[in-house]
Amino acid sequence: MEKIKKILTFFRDLPKSIYVNFKVFNIKDALKLPIRVRYNVKIGKIYKGAIKIKCSLKYSIVRLGFGGSEFVSDTKSKLSFYNNGVIIFNGKCTLAEGVNIFVDKGKIEFGENIYANKNLTIQSENSIIIEDNSLIGWNVDIRDTDGHMILNNGEERPINGKIYIGKHVWIASNCNILKNSYITENSVIGCNSLVCGLKVKDNNCLIVGSPATVKKNNIEWRE
């Protein structure tokens, strides 16, 4: 029965997976179907080169819209690309149900062995990098743009910035990470934290709060 279920879900998702792969890759690479896309992921504007994979291509190395914690309700999933925006994958990556990614001129780069639970939202108009072996909880928003102009004493502030998340970082559930944030490797961002332009210097930090600050040093976390 389990084998039959896998076969049925494969054919259910096949049309959407074929569409995305042939949209972004050349024919030779698209035939390998390195990106598996769940049938209910809505695809907005997409074009050749919008998604790049910088590792050996094989079937389903990138999974979009699959899995996640059963007790978390998922939202609708959607991918949209504008003005040469691009997503780069450097290895195995699963972005669970409810993933929403909007790239306008920006670049989102995922390292190897990335997993994001349900309802990840990423908006990029500049640069977002998430390094290897990082884990993202449910209902996490990551945005490198304010979206609207803000004036400070009559002077315009830059709308966009950069976000860097180092290797083996655990972003717990319901977090918001905003532009100009720099998170060092082996760190943990606690539940419901708002990371707003925080630049962490040391590795192995516990980062908590709204706005978030470093609460503890020399921590370790394990999956």
N, C-alpha and C. Protein backbone atom coordinates (compact mmCIF):
# COMPACT_ATOMS: atom_id res chain seq x y z
N MET A 1 0.82 -1.22 0.00
CA MET A 1 0.00 0.00 0.00
C MET A 1 0.86 1.26 0.00
N GLU A 2 1.93 1.26 0.80
CA GLU A 2 2.81 2.42 0.87
C GLU A 2 3.49 2.67 -0.47
N LYS A 3 3.86 1.58 -1.16
CA LYS A 3 4.50 1.71 -2.46
C LYS A 3 3.53 2.29 -3.49
N ILE A 4 2.28 1.86 -3.43
CA ILE A 4 1.26 2.39 -4.33
C ILE A 4 1.04 3.88 -4.08
N LYS A 5 1.02 4.26 -2.80
CA LYS A 5 0.84 5.67 -2.45
C LYS A 5 1.97 6.52 -3.02
N LYS A 6 3.20 6.03 -2.93
CA LYS A 6 4.35 6.77 -3.47
C LYS A 6 4.24 6.94 -4.98
N ILE A 7 3.79 5.89 -5.65
CA ILE A 7 3.64 5.96 -7.11
C ILE A 7 2.57 6.99 -7.49
N LEU A 8 1.45 6.97 -6.75
CA LEU A 8 0.36 7.90 -7.04
C LEU A 8 0.77 9.34 -6.80
N THR A 9 1.49 9.59 -5.70
CA THR A 9 1.93 10.97 -5.42
C THR A 9 2.98 11.42 -6.43
N PHE A 10 3.81 10.50 -6.90
CA PHE A 10 4.79 10.85 -7.93
C PHE A 10 4.09 11.37 -9.18
N PHE A 11 3.08 10.64 -9.65
CA PHE A 11 2.36 11.06 -10.86
C PHE A 11 1.50 12.29 -10.60
N ARG A 12 1.02 12.44 -9.38
CA ARG A 12 0.25 13.64 -9.02
C ARG A 12 1.11 14.89 -9.15
N ASP A 13 2.36 14.81 -8.70
CA ASP A 13 3.25 15.98 -8.69
C ASP A 13 4.04 16.15 -9.99
N LEU A 14 4.02 15.14 -10.84
CA LEU A 14 4.88 15.16 -12.02
C LEU A 14 4.64 16.35 -12.95
N PRO A 15 3.39 16.70 -13.29
CA PRO A 15 3.20 17.84 -14.21
C PRO A 15 3.79 19.15 -13.69
N LYS A 16 3.59 19.45 -12.41
CA LYS A 16 4.14 20.70 -11.85
C LYS A 16 5.66 20.63 -11.82
N SER A 17 6.22 19.48 -11.49
CA SER A 17 7.68 19.33 -11.46
C SER A 17 8.28 19.49 -12.85
N ILE A 18 7.65 18.89 -13.84
CA ILE A 18 8.13 19.02 -15.22
C ILE A 18 8.09 20.48 -15.65
N TYR A 19 7.00 21.14 -15.35
CA TYR A 19 6.85 22.55 -15.76
C TYR A 19 7.97 23.41 -15.20
N VAL A 20 8.26 23.29 -13.90
CA VAL A 20 9.28 24.14 -13.28
C VAL A 20 10.66 23.79 -13.81
N ASN A 21 11.00 22.52 -13.88
CA ASN A 21 12.33 22.13 -14.34
C ASN A 21 12.62 22.59 -15.76
N PHE A 22 11.64 22.42 -16.65
CA PHE A 22 11.86 22.84 -18.03
C PHE A 22 11.79 24.35 -18.20
N LYS A 23 11.20 25.05 -17.27
CA LYS A 23 11.19 26.51 -17.30
C LYS A 23 12.56 27.08 -16.93
N VAL A 24 13.24 26.47 -15.97
CA VAL A 24 14.45 27.10 -15.43
C VAL A 24 15.76 26.50 -15.96
N PHE A 25 15.74 25.25 -16.43
CA PHE A 25 16.96 24.57 -16.87
C PHE A 25 16.95 24.32 -18.38
N ASN A 26 18.13 23.96 -18.90
CA ASN A 26 18.18 23.47 -20.27
C ASN A 26 17.58 22.06 -20.29
N ILE A 27 17.34 21.54 -21.47
CA ILE A 27 16.63 20.26 -21.60
C ILE A 27 17.38 19.13 -20.92
N LYS A 28 18.69 19.09 -21.11
CA LYS A 28 19.49 18.01 -20.54
C LYS A 28 19.37 17.95 -19.03
N ASP A 29 19.46 19.10 -18.38
CA ASP A 29 19.36 19.15 -16.92
C ASP A 29 17.92 18.96 -16.45
N ALA A 30 16.97 19.52 -17.20
CA ALA A 30 15.56 19.42 -16.81
C ALA A 30 15.08 17.98 -16.80
N LEU A 31 15.58 17.15 -17.70
CA LEU A 31 15.17 15.75 -17.78
C LEU A 31 15.50 14.97 -16.51
N LYS A 32 16.47 15.42 -15.75
CA LYS A 32 16.84 14.76 -14.50
C LYS A 32 15.86 15.08 -13.37
N LEU A 33 15.00 16.07 -13.59
CA LEU A 33 14.02 16.50 -12.59
C LEU A 33 14.66 16.71 -11.21
N PRO A 34 15.68 17.56 -11.13
CA PRO A 34 16.32 17.78 -9.83
C PRO A 34 15.44 18.51 -8.84
N ILE A 35 14.41 19.22 -9.32
CA ILE A 35 13.47 19.91 -8.44
C ILE A 35 12.15 19.17 -8.46
N ARG A 36 11.70 18.73 -7.30
CA ARG A 36 10.37 18.14 -7.21
C ARG A 36 9.44 19.15 -6.57
N VAL A 37 8.35 19.45 -7.24
CA VAL A 37 7.42 20.48 -6.81
C VAL A 37 6.06 19.85 -6.54
N ARG A 38 5.53 20.07 -5.36
CA ARG A 38 4.22 19.51 -5.02
C ARG A 38 3.14 20.12 -5.91
N TYR A 39 2.13 19.34 -6.19
CA TYR A 39 1.11 19.72 -7.16
C TYR A 39 0.41 21.03 -6.84
N ASN A 40 0.31 21.38 -5.54
CA ASN A 40 -0.47 22.55 -5.15
C ASN A 40 0.38 23.81 -4.95
N VAL A 41 1.67 23.76 -5.31
CA VAL A 41 2.50 24.96 -5.24
C VAL A 41 2.17 25.85 -6.44
N LYS A 42 1.76 27.08 -6.17
CA LYS A 42 1.43 28.00 -7.25
C LYS A 42 2.71 28.62 -7.79
N ILE A 43 2.85 28.63 -9.09
CA ILE A 43 4.04 29.20 -9.72
C ILE A 43 3.65 30.51 -10.38
N GLY A 44 4.24 31.60 -9.89
CA GLY A 44 4.02 32.91 -10.49
C GLY A 44 4.94 33.07 -11.69
N LYS A 45 5.48 34.26 -11.87
CA LYS A 45 6.40 34.49 -12.98
C LYS A 45 7.69 33.70 -12.74
N ILE A 46 8.15 33.02 -13.79
CA ILE A 46 9.36 32.21 -13.69
C ILE A 46 10.03 32.18 -15.06
N TYR A 47 11.34 32.06 -15.09
CA TYR A 47 12.07 32.16 -16.36
C TYR A 47 13.35 31.35 -16.29
N LYS A 48 13.99 31.19 -17.45
CA LYS A 48 15.22 30.43 -17.55
C LYS A 48 16.28 31.03 -16.64
N GLY A 49 16.89 30.18 -15.81
CA GLY A 49 17.93 30.65 -14.91
C GLY A 49 17.43 31.19 -13.59
N ALA A 50 16.10 31.18 -13.36
CA ALA A 50 15.57 31.68 -12.10
C ALA A 50 15.99 30.81 -10.92
N ILE A 51 16.20 29.52 -11.17
CA ILE A 51 16.70 28.60 -10.16
C ILE A 51 17.97 27.94 -10.68
N LYS A 52 19.01 27.92 -9.84
CA LYS A 52 20.26 27.29 -10.21
C LYS A 52 20.64 26.28 -9.14
N ILE A 53 21.20 25.16 -9.56
CA ILE A 53 21.67 24.13 -8.63
C ILE A 53 23.16 23.93 -8.87
N LYS A 54 23.97 24.22 -7.86
CA LYS A 54 25.42 24.15 -8.00
C LYS A 54 25.99 22.90 -7.32
N CYS A 55 25.48 21.76 -7.75
CA CYS A 55 26.00 20.48 -7.28
C CYS A 55 25.59 19.45 -8.32
N SER A 56 25.98 18.21 -8.11
CA SER A 56 25.63 17.16 -9.04
C SER A 56 24.11 16.99 -9.08
N LEU A 57 23.55 17.01 -10.28
CA LEU A 57 22.09 16.96 -10.42
C LEU A 57 21.59 15.52 -10.32
N LYS A 58 20.56 15.34 -9.52
CA LYS A 58 19.87 14.07 -9.45
C LYS A 58 18.42 14.33 -9.08
N TYR A 59 17.59 13.33 -9.28
CA TYR A 59 16.16 13.50 -9.07
C TYR A 59 15.83 13.95 -7.64
N SER A 60 15.02 15.00 -7.54
CA SER A 60 14.42 15.44 -6.28
C SER A 60 15.44 15.88 -5.23
N ILE A 61 16.56 16.43 -5.68
CA ILE A 61 17.52 16.94 -4.70
C ILE A 61 16.96 18.17 -3.98
N VAL A 62 16.08 18.91 -4.68
CA VAL A 62 15.36 20.03 -4.08
C VAL A 62 13.88 19.68 -4.06
N ARG A 63 13.26 19.82 -2.88
CA ARG A 63 11.84 19.48 -2.72
C ARG A 63 11.09 20.72 -2.22
N LEU A 64 10.09 21.12 -2.96
CA LEU A 64 9.34 22.32 -2.64
C LEU A 64 7.89 21.98 -2.33
N GLY A 65 7.47 22.28 -1.09
CA GLY A 65 6.08 22.08 -0.69
C GLY A 65 5.77 20.72 -0.10
N PHE A 66 6.80 20.03 0.41
CA PHE A 66 6.58 18.69 0.93
C PHE A 66 6.85 18.62 2.43
N GLY A 67 5.95 17.93 3.15
CA GLY A 67 6.20 17.61 4.54
C GLY A 67 5.96 18.76 5.49
N GLY A 68 6.54 18.62 6.67
CA GLY A 68 6.35 19.58 7.74
C GLY A 68 5.58 18.95 8.89
N SER A 69 5.61 19.59 10.04
CA SER A 69 4.95 19.07 11.24
C SER A 69 3.44 18.97 11.03
N GLU A 70 2.88 17.81 11.36
CA GLU A 70 1.46 17.58 11.11
C GLU A 70 0.55 18.47 11.93
N PHE A 71 1.02 18.92 13.10
CA PHE A 71 0.16 19.72 13.97
C PHE A 71 0.16 21.20 13.60
N VAL A 72 0.91 21.58 12.55
CA VAL A 72 0.96 22.97 12.10
C VAL A 72 0.14 23.10 10.83
N SER A 73 -0.84 24.01 10.84
CA SER A 73 -1.63 24.25 9.64
C SER A 73 -0.77 24.97 8.61
N ASP A 74 -0.92 24.57 7.35
CA ASP A 74 -0.08 25.18 6.32
C ASP A 74 -0.89 26.18 5.50
N THR A 75 -0.19 27.19 5.01
CA THR A 75 -0.77 28.17 4.11
C THR A 75 -0.52 27.74 2.67
N LYS A 76 -0.98 28.50 1.72
CA LYS A 76 -0.74 28.19 0.31
C LYS A 76 0.72 28.47 -0.05
N SER A 77 1.24 27.68 -0.96
CA SER A 77 2.63 27.83 -1.39
C SER A 77 2.70 28.57 -2.73
N LYS A 78 3.74 29.41 -2.87
CA LYS A 78 3.89 30.13 -4.14
C LYS A 78 5.34 30.53 -4.36
N LEU A 79 5.79 30.46 -5.61
CA LEU A 79 7.11 30.96 -6.02
C LEU A 79 6.92 32.02 -7.08
N SER A 80 7.63 33.16 -6.93
CA SER A 80 7.56 34.24 -7.91
C SER A 80 8.93 34.86 -8.10
N PHE A 81 9.30 35.14 -9.35
CA PHE A 81 10.60 35.72 -9.69
C PHE A 81 10.39 36.94 -10.59
N TYR A 82 11.15 38.01 -10.31
CA TYR A 82 11.07 39.21 -11.12
C TYR A 82 12.45 39.82 -11.30
N ASN A 83 12.66 40.48 -12.44
CA ASN A 83 13.85 41.31 -12.68
C ASN A 83 15.16 40.56 -12.39
N ASN A 84 15.27 39.37 -12.97
CA ASN A 84 16.49 38.56 -12.86
C ASN A 84 16.76 38.06 -11.44
N GLY A 85 15.77 38.05 -10.58
CA GLY A 85 15.93 37.44 -9.27
C GLY A 85 16.23 35.96 -9.41
N VAL A 86 17.00 35.41 -8.47
CA VAL A 86 17.45 34.03 -8.61
C VAL A 86 17.51 33.33 -7.25
N ILE A 87 17.25 32.01 -7.25
CA ILE A 87 17.49 31.16 -6.09
C ILE A 87 18.59 30.17 -6.47
N ILE A 88 19.57 30.02 -5.59
CA ILE A 88 20.67 29.09 -5.81
C ILE A 88 20.64 28.02 -4.72
N PHE A 89 20.69 26.76 -5.15
CA PHE A 89 20.77 25.63 -4.23
C PHE A 89 22.13 24.97 -4.38
N ASN A 90 22.80 24.72 -3.27
CA ASN A 90 24.12 24.10 -3.29
C ASN A 90 24.10 22.64 -2.86
N GLY A 91 22.92 22.08 -2.69
CA GLY A 91 22.80 20.69 -2.27
C GLY A 91 21.38 20.38 -1.87
N LYS A 92 21.21 19.30 -1.14
CA LYS A 92 19.89 18.83 -0.74
C LYS A 92 19.15 19.89 0.07
N CYS A 93 17.90 20.13 -0.30
CA CYS A 93 17.11 21.16 0.39
C CYS A 93 15.63 20.79 0.32
N THR A 94 14.96 20.85 1.46
CA THR A 94 13.51 20.64 1.53
C THR A 94 12.87 21.86 2.17
N LEU A 95 11.93 22.46 1.45
CA LEU A 95 11.14 23.57 1.96
C LEU A 95 9.70 23.08 2.02
N ALA A 96 9.17 22.93 3.23
CA ALA A 96 7.91 22.21 3.44
C ALA A 96 6.70 22.99 2.95
N GLU A 97 5.51 22.41 3.21
CA GLU A 97 4.26 23.01 2.76
C GLU A 97 4.12 24.45 3.25
N GLY A 98 3.48 25.27 2.45
CA GLY A 98 3.27 26.66 2.82
C GLY A 98 4.45 27.56 2.51
N VAL A 99 5.41 27.09 1.72
CA VAL A 99 6.57 27.91 1.39
C VAL A 99 6.15 29.01 0.41
N ASN A 100 6.56 30.23 0.72
CA ASN A 100 6.30 31.37 -0.15
C ASN A 100 7.59 32.13 -0.38
N ILE A 101 8.04 32.16 -1.63
CA ILE A 101 9.29 32.83 -1.97
C ILE A 101 9.02 33.85 -3.06
N PHE A 102 9.47 35.09 -2.81
CA PHE A 102 9.31 36.20 -3.75
C PHE A 102 10.69 36.84 -3.94
N VAL A 103 11.21 36.73 -5.17
CA VAL A 103 12.55 37.27 -5.47
C VAL A 103 12.42 38.33 -6.54
N ASP A 104 12.76 39.56 -6.22
CA ASP A 104 12.70 40.67 -7.16
C ASP A 104 14.07 41.36 -7.19
N LYS A 105 14.86 41.06 -8.22
CA LYS A 105 16.24 41.56 -8.38
C LYS A 105 17.21 40.89 -7.42
N GLY A 106 16.71 40.24 -6.39
CA GLY A 106 17.57 39.72 -5.34
C GLY A 106 18.11 38.32 -5.63
N LYS A 107 18.87 37.80 -4.64
CA LYS A 107 19.43 36.46 -4.73
C LYS A 107 19.24 35.77 -3.39
N ILE A 108 18.68 34.57 -3.43
CA ILE A 108 18.57 33.72 -2.24
C ILE A 108 19.45 32.50 -2.49
N GLU A 109 20.34 32.23 -1.56
CA GLU A 109 21.24 31.10 -1.72
C GLU A 109 21.14 30.16 -0.52
N PHE A 110 20.84 28.90 -0.80
CA PHE A 110 20.75 27.87 0.22
C PHE A 110 21.99 26.98 0.14
N GLY A 111 22.56 26.67 1.30
CA GLY A 111 23.67 25.74 1.35
C GLY A 111 23.19 24.31 1.20
N GLU A 112 24.03 23.38 1.61
CA GLU A 112 23.70 21.96 1.51
C GLU A 112 22.99 21.48 2.77
N ASN A 113 22.03 20.57 2.57
CA ASN A 113 21.32 19.94 3.68
C ASN A 113 20.54 20.97 4.50
N ILE A 114 19.62 21.64 3.84
CA ILE A 114 18.75 22.63 4.48
C ILE A 114 17.35 22.05 4.61
N TYR A 115 16.73 22.26 5.77
CA TYR A 115 15.34 21.87 5.95
C TYR A 115 14.57 23.02 6.58
N ALA A 116 13.43 23.35 5.98
CA ALA A 116 12.54 24.37 6.53
C ALA A 116 11.17 23.77 6.75
N ASN A 117 10.62 23.94 7.95
CA ASN A 117 9.30 23.45 8.28
C ASN A 117 8.23 24.32 7.60
N LYS A 118 6.97 24.10 7.94
CA LYS A 118 5.87 24.73 7.22
C LYS A 118 5.89 26.26 7.31
N ASN A 119 5.39 26.86 6.21
CA ASN A 119 5.07 28.29 6.17
C ASN A 119 6.30 29.20 6.24
N LEU A 120 7.36 28.79 5.55
CA LEU A 120 8.51 29.68 5.40
C LEU A 120 8.19 30.73 4.35
N THR A 121 8.39 32.01 4.71
CA THR A 121 8.23 33.11 3.76
C THR A 121 9.57 33.82 3.60
N ILE A 122 10.02 33.95 2.36
CA ILE A 122 11.26 34.66 2.07
C ILE A 122 11.00 35.69 0.98
N GLN A 123 11.37 36.92 1.26
CA GLN A 123 11.29 38.00 0.26
C GLN A 123 12.67 38.60 0.10
N SER A 124 13.18 38.60 -1.13
CA SER A 124 14.52 39.13 -1.36
C SER A 124 14.54 40.14 -2.50
N GLU A 125 15.11 41.31 -2.21
CA GLU A 125 15.41 42.30 -3.23
C GLU A 125 16.89 42.65 -3.20
N ASN A 126 17.66 41.88 -2.40
CA ASN A 126 19.10 42.11 -2.33
C ASN A 126 19.83 40.78 -2.22
N SER A 127 20.09 40.31 -1.00
CA SER A 127 20.84 39.06 -0.84
C SER A 127 20.49 38.38 0.48
N ILE A 128 20.13 37.11 0.40
CA ILE A 128 19.89 36.27 1.58
C ILE A 128 20.68 34.99 1.39
N ILE A 129 21.55 34.68 2.34
CA ILE A 129 22.36 33.46 2.29
C ILE A 129 22.08 32.64 3.54
N ILE A 130 21.75 31.37 3.34
CA ILE A 130 21.54 30.43 4.44
C ILE A 130 22.51 29.28 4.22
N GLU A 131 23.47 29.13 5.11
CA GLU A 131 24.56 28.18 4.90
C GLU A 131 24.16 26.73 5.25
N ASP A 132 25.11 25.81 5.05
CA ASP A 132 24.89 24.37 5.19
C ASP A 132 24.31 23.97 6.54
N ASN A 133 23.51 22.90 6.49
CA ASN A 133 23.04 22.19 7.69
C ASN A 133 22.21 23.05 8.63
N SER A 134 21.54 24.04 8.08
CA SER A 134 20.68 24.88 8.92
C SER A 134 19.26 24.34 8.94
N LEU A 135 18.58 24.61 10.05
CA LEU A 135 17.24 24.10 10.29
C LEU A 135 16.31 25.28 10.60
N ILE A 136 15.17 25.32 9.91
CA ILE A 136 14.23 26.43 10.06
C ILE A 136 12.89 25.89 10.55
N GLY A 137 12.38 26.46 11.63
CA GLY A 137 11.10 26.04 12.19
C GLY A 137 9.93 26.56 11.39
N TRP A 138 8.71 26.32 11.91
CA TRP A 138 7.52 26.74 11.19
C TRP A 138 7.24 28.23 11.40
N ASN A 139 6.52 28.79 10.44
CA ASN A 139 6.06 30.19 10.49
C ASN A 139 7.22 31.18 10.64
N VAL A 140 8.24 31.01 9.83
CA VAL A 140 9.40 31.90 9.85
C VAL A 140 9.36 32.82 8.64
N ASP A 141 9.60 34.12 8.87
CA ASP A 141 9.68 35.11 7.80
C ASP A 141 11.10 35.66 7.72
N ILE A 142 11.64 35.70 6.50
CA ILE A 142 12.98 36.25 6.28
C ILE A 142 12.87 37.26 5.14
N ARG A 143 13.20 38.52 5.42
CA ARG A 143 13.02 39.59 4.43
C ARG A 143 14.22 40.54 4.46
N ASP A 144 14.81 40.76 3.29
CA ASP A 144 15.96 41.68 3.22
C ASP A 144 15.56 43.06 2.73
N THR A 145 14.27 43.35 2.76
CA THR A 145 13.77 44.65 2.30
C THR A 145 12.67 45.16 3.23
N ASP A 146 12.62 46.48 3.40
CA ASP A 146 11.54 47.07 4.20
C ASP A 146 10.23 47.10 3.43
N GLY A 147 10.32 47.12 2.11
CA GLY A 147 9.12 47.17 1.30
C GLY A 147 8.62 48.58 1.03
N HIS A 148 8.85 49.50 1.98
CA HIS A 148 8.43 50.89 1.82
C HIS A 148 9.56 51.80 2.31
N MET A 149 9.64 52.98 1.72
CA MET A 149 10.66 53.94 2.11
C MET A 149 10.38 54.49 3.51
N ILE A 150 11.43 54.56 4.33
CA ILE A 150 11.35 55.15 5.66
C ILE A 150 12.27 56.36 5.71
N LEU A 151 11.75 57.48 6.24
CA LEU A 151 12.55 58.69 6.37
C LEU A 151 13.00 58.86 7.82
N ASN A 152 14.24 59.23 8.00
CA ASN A 152 14.78 59.51 9.33
C ASN A 152 15.28 60.96 9.33
N ASN A 153 14.56 61.83 10.07
CA ASN A 153 14.85 63.26 10.06
C ASN A 153 14.86 63.81 8.64
N GLY A 154 13.90 63.32 7.85
CA GLY A 154 13.74 63.82 6.49
C GLY A 154 14.64 63.15 5.47
N GLU A 155 15.57 62.30 5.92
CA GLU A 155 16.48 61.63 4.99
C GLU A 155 16.03 60.19 4.74
N GLU A 156 16.12 59.80 3.49
CA GLU A 156 15.71 58.46 3.12
C GLU A 156 16.68 57.42 3.65
N ARG A 157 16.15 56.35 4.21
CA ARG A 157 16.96 55.21 4.63
C ARG A 157 16.98 54.16 3.52
N PRO A 158 18.06 53.41 3.39
CA PRO A 158 18.08 52.34 2.38
C PRO A 158 16.95 51.34 2.63
N ILE A 159 16.25 51.00 1.58
CA ILE A 159 15.14 50.06 1.71
C ILE A 159 15.65 48.63 1.88
N ASN A 160 16.72 48.28 1.17
CA ASN A 160 17.20 46.90 1.13
C ASN A 160 18.52 46.74 1.88
N GLY A 161 18.78 45.53 2.34
CA GLY A 161 20.04 45.19 2.98
C GLY A 161 20.39 43.74 2.67
N LYS A 162 21.27 43.17 3.45
CA LYS A 162 21.66 41.77 3.25
C LYS A 162 21.39 40.97 4.52
N ILE A 163 21.20 39.67 4.34
CA ILE A 163 21.02 38.75 5.47
C ILE A 163 21.98 37.59 5.28
N TYR A 164 22.69 37.25 6.33
CA TYR A 164 23.59 36.10 6.29
C TYR A 164 23.31 35.22 7.50
N ILE A 165 23.08 33.94 7.23
CA ILE A 165 22.84 32.95 8.28
C ILE A 165 23.90 31.87 8.12
N GLY A 166 24.75 31.71 9.11
CA GLY A 166 25.90 30.82 9.01
C GLY A 166 25.53 29.35 9.06
N LYS A 167 26.56 28.52 9.03
CA LYS A 167 26.36 27.07 9.02
C LYS A 167 25.77 26.57 10.34
N HIS A 168 24.91 25.55 10.21
CA HIS A 168 24.34 24.85 11.36
C HIS A 168 23.67 25.82 12.34
N VAL A 169 22.78 26.63 11.79
CA VAL A 169 21.98 27.54 12.61
C VAL A 169 20.56 26.98 12.70
N TRP A 170 20.01 27.02 13.90
CA TRP A 170 18.63 26.61 14.12
C TRP A 170 17.79 27.86 14.35
N ILE A 171 16.87 28.11 13.42
CA ILE A 171 15.91 29.20 13.56
C ILE A 171 14.61 28.57 14.05
N ALA A 172 14.24 28.82 15.28
CA ALA A 172 13.05 28.20 15.85
C ALA A 172 11.78 28.85 15.29
N SER A 173 10.63 28.36 15.70
CA SER A 173 9.36 28.75 15.09
C SER A 173 8.99 30.21 15.37
N ASN A 174 8.21 30.76 14.43
CA ASN A 174 7.60 32.09 14.57
C ASN A 174 8.62 33.22 14.68
N CYS A 175 9.74 33.08 14.02
CA CYS A 175 10.76 34.14 14.04
C CYS A 175 10.65 35.02 12.80
N ASN A 176 11.08 36.27 12.95
CA ASN A 176 11.21 37.21 11.85
C ASN A 176 12.66 37.66 11.77
N ILE A 177 13.26 37.55 10.60
CA ILE A 177 14.64 37.98 10.39
C ILE A 177 14.64 39.04 9.29
N LEU A 178 15.10 40.23 9.64
CA LEU A 178 15.03 41.38 8.74
C LEU A 178 16.41 41.78 8.23
N LYS A 179 16.43 42.75 7.35
CA LYS A 179 17.64 43.14 6.62
C LYS A 179 18.80 43.49 7.56
N ASN A 180 20.00 43.33 7.02
CA ASN A 180 21.25 43.68 7.71
C ASN A 180 21.51 42.83 8.95
N SER A 181 20.93 41.63 8.98
CA SER A 181 21.18 40.71 10.09
C SER A 181 22.27 39.73 9.71
N TYR A 182 23.16 39.44 10.67
CA TYR A 182 24.28 38.52 10.45
C TYR A 182 24.31 37.54 11.62
N ILE A 183 24.06 36.27 11.32
CA ILE A 183 23.98 35.24 12.36
C ILE A 183 25.13 34.26 12.17
N THR A 184 25.92 34.06 13.19
CA THR A 184 27.10 33.21 13.11
C THR A 184 26.75 31.73 13.24
N GLU A 185 27.69 30.88 12.86
CA GLU A 185 27.44 29.44 12.79
C GLU A 185 27.22 28.82 14.17
N ASN A 186 26.50 27.71 14.15
CA ASN A 186 26.18 26.92 15.36
C ASN A 186 25.33 27.68 16.37
N SER A 187 24.62 28.70 15.92
CA SER A 187 23.80 29.50 16.82
C SER A 187 22.34 29.07 16.77
N VAL A 188 21.57 29.52 17.75
CA VAL A 188 20.14 29.23 17.83
C VAL A 188 19.38 30.55 17.98
N ILE A 189 18.34 30.72 17.17
CA ILE A 189 17.44 31.85 17.32
C ILE A 189 16.16 31.33 17.96
N GLY A 190 15.86 31.79 19.16
CA GLY A 190 14.74 31.27 19.94
C GLY A 190 13.38 31.64 19.36
N CYS A 191 12.35 30.90 19.78
CA CYS A 191 10.98 31.10 19.28
C CYS A 191 10.52 32.55 19.43
N ASN A 192 9.78 33.01 18.44
CA ASN A 192 9.13 34.32 18.46
C ASN A 192 10.11 35.49 18.49
N SER A 193 11.33 35.27 18.06
CA SER A 193 12.32 36.35 18.08
C SER A 193 12.22 37.23 16.84
N LEU A 194 12.52 38.51 17.03
CA LEU A 194 12.60 39.47 15.93
C LEU A 194 14.06 39.89 15.79
N VAL A 195 14.70 39.41 14.73
CA VAL A 195 16.10 39.74 14.47
C VAL A 195 16.13 40.89 13.48
N CYS A 196 16.52 42.05 13.95
CA CYS A 196 16.40 43.27 13.15
C CYS A 196 17.75 43.97 13.08
N GLY A 197 18.54 43.63 12.08
CA GLY A 197 19.84 44.27 11.90
C GLY A 197 20.87 43.86 12.93
N LEU A 198 20.67 42.73 13.59
CA LEU A 198 21.62 42.25 14.60
C LEU A 198 22.83 41.63 13.91
N LYS A 199 24.02 42.02 14.32
CA LYS A 199 25.25 41.46 13.77
C LYS A 199 25.98 40.72 14.90
N VAL A 200 25.85 39.41 14.88
CA VAL A 200 26.47 38.57 15.91
C VAL A 200 27.93 38.35 15.55
N LYS A 201 28.81 38.41 16.54
CA LYS A 201 30.25 38.28 16.30
C LYS A 201 30.78 36.88 16.61
N ASP A 202 30.28 36.26 17.68
CA ASP A 202 30.80 34.97 18.11
C ASP A 202 29.93 33.83 17.62
N ASN A 203 30.54 32.65 17.44
CA ASN A 203 29.77 31.45 17.11
C ASN A 203 29.10 30.89 18.37
N ASN A 204 28.19 29.95 18.16
CA ASN A 204 27.55 29.21 19.26
C ASN A 204 26.81 30.12 20.23
N CYS A 205 25.96 30.98 19.68
CA CYS A 205 25.21 31.92 20.51
C CYS A 205 23.72 31.56 20.56
N LEU A 206 23.08 31.86 21.69
CA LEU A 206 21.64 31.82 21.81
C LEU A 206 21.12 33.24 21.64
N ILE A 207 20.26 33.40 20.63
CA ILE A 207 19.77 34.73 20.25
C ILE A 207 18.26 34.74 20.49
N VAL A 208 17.79 35.64 21.34
CA VAL A 208 16.38 35.61 21.76
C VAL A 208 15.87 37.03 21.95
N GLY A 209 14.58 37.24 21.69
CA GLY A 209 13.94 38.48 22.07
C GLY A 209 13.36 39.26 20.91
N SER A 210 12.70 40.38 21.25
CA SER A 210 12.11 41.25 20.26
C SER A 210 12.30 42.71 20.70
N PRO A 211 13.34 43.37 20.20
CA PRO A 211 14.32 42.89 19.22
C PRO A 211 15.29 41.89 19.87
N ALA A 212 15.82 40.98 19.06
CA ALA A 212 16.67 39.91 19.56
C ALA A 212 18.06 40.41 19.92
N THR A 213 18.61 39.81 20.97
CA THR A 213 19.99 40.05 21.38
C THR A 213 20.62 38.71 21.75
N VAL A 214 21.93 38.72 21.90
CA VAL A 214 22.63 37.51 22.31
C VAL A 214 22.44 37.32 23.81
N LYS A 215 21.85 36.19 24.21
CA LYS A 215 21.56 35.91 25.62
C LYS A 215 22.60 34.99 26.25
N LYS A 216 23.12 34.05 25.46
CA LYS A 216 24.11 33.12 25.97
C LYS A 216 25.16 32.82 24.92
N ASN A 217 26.36 32.48 25.40
CA ASN A 217 27.46 32.07 24.51
C ASN A 217 27.82 30.62 24.77
N ASN A 218 28.61 30.07 23.87
CA ASN A 218 29.15 28.71 24.02
C ASN A 218 28.08 27.65 24.15
N ILE A 219 26.98 27.80 23.40
CA ILE A 219 25.93 26.79 23.39
C ILE A 219 26.18 25.79 22.26
N GLU A 220 25.50 24.67 22.33
CA GLU A 220 25.49 23.68 21.26
C GLU A 220 24.06 23.22 21.05
N TRP A 221 23.74 22.83 19.81
CA TRP A 221 22.43 22.23 19.57
C TRP A 221 22.59 21.04 18.64
N ARG A 222 21.67 20.08 18.80
CA ARG A 222 21.69 18.86 18.00
C ARG A 222 20.30 18.56 17.47
N GLU A 223 20.26 17.98 16.29
CA GLU A 223 18.96 17.63 15.70
C GLU A 223 18.38 16.40 16.41
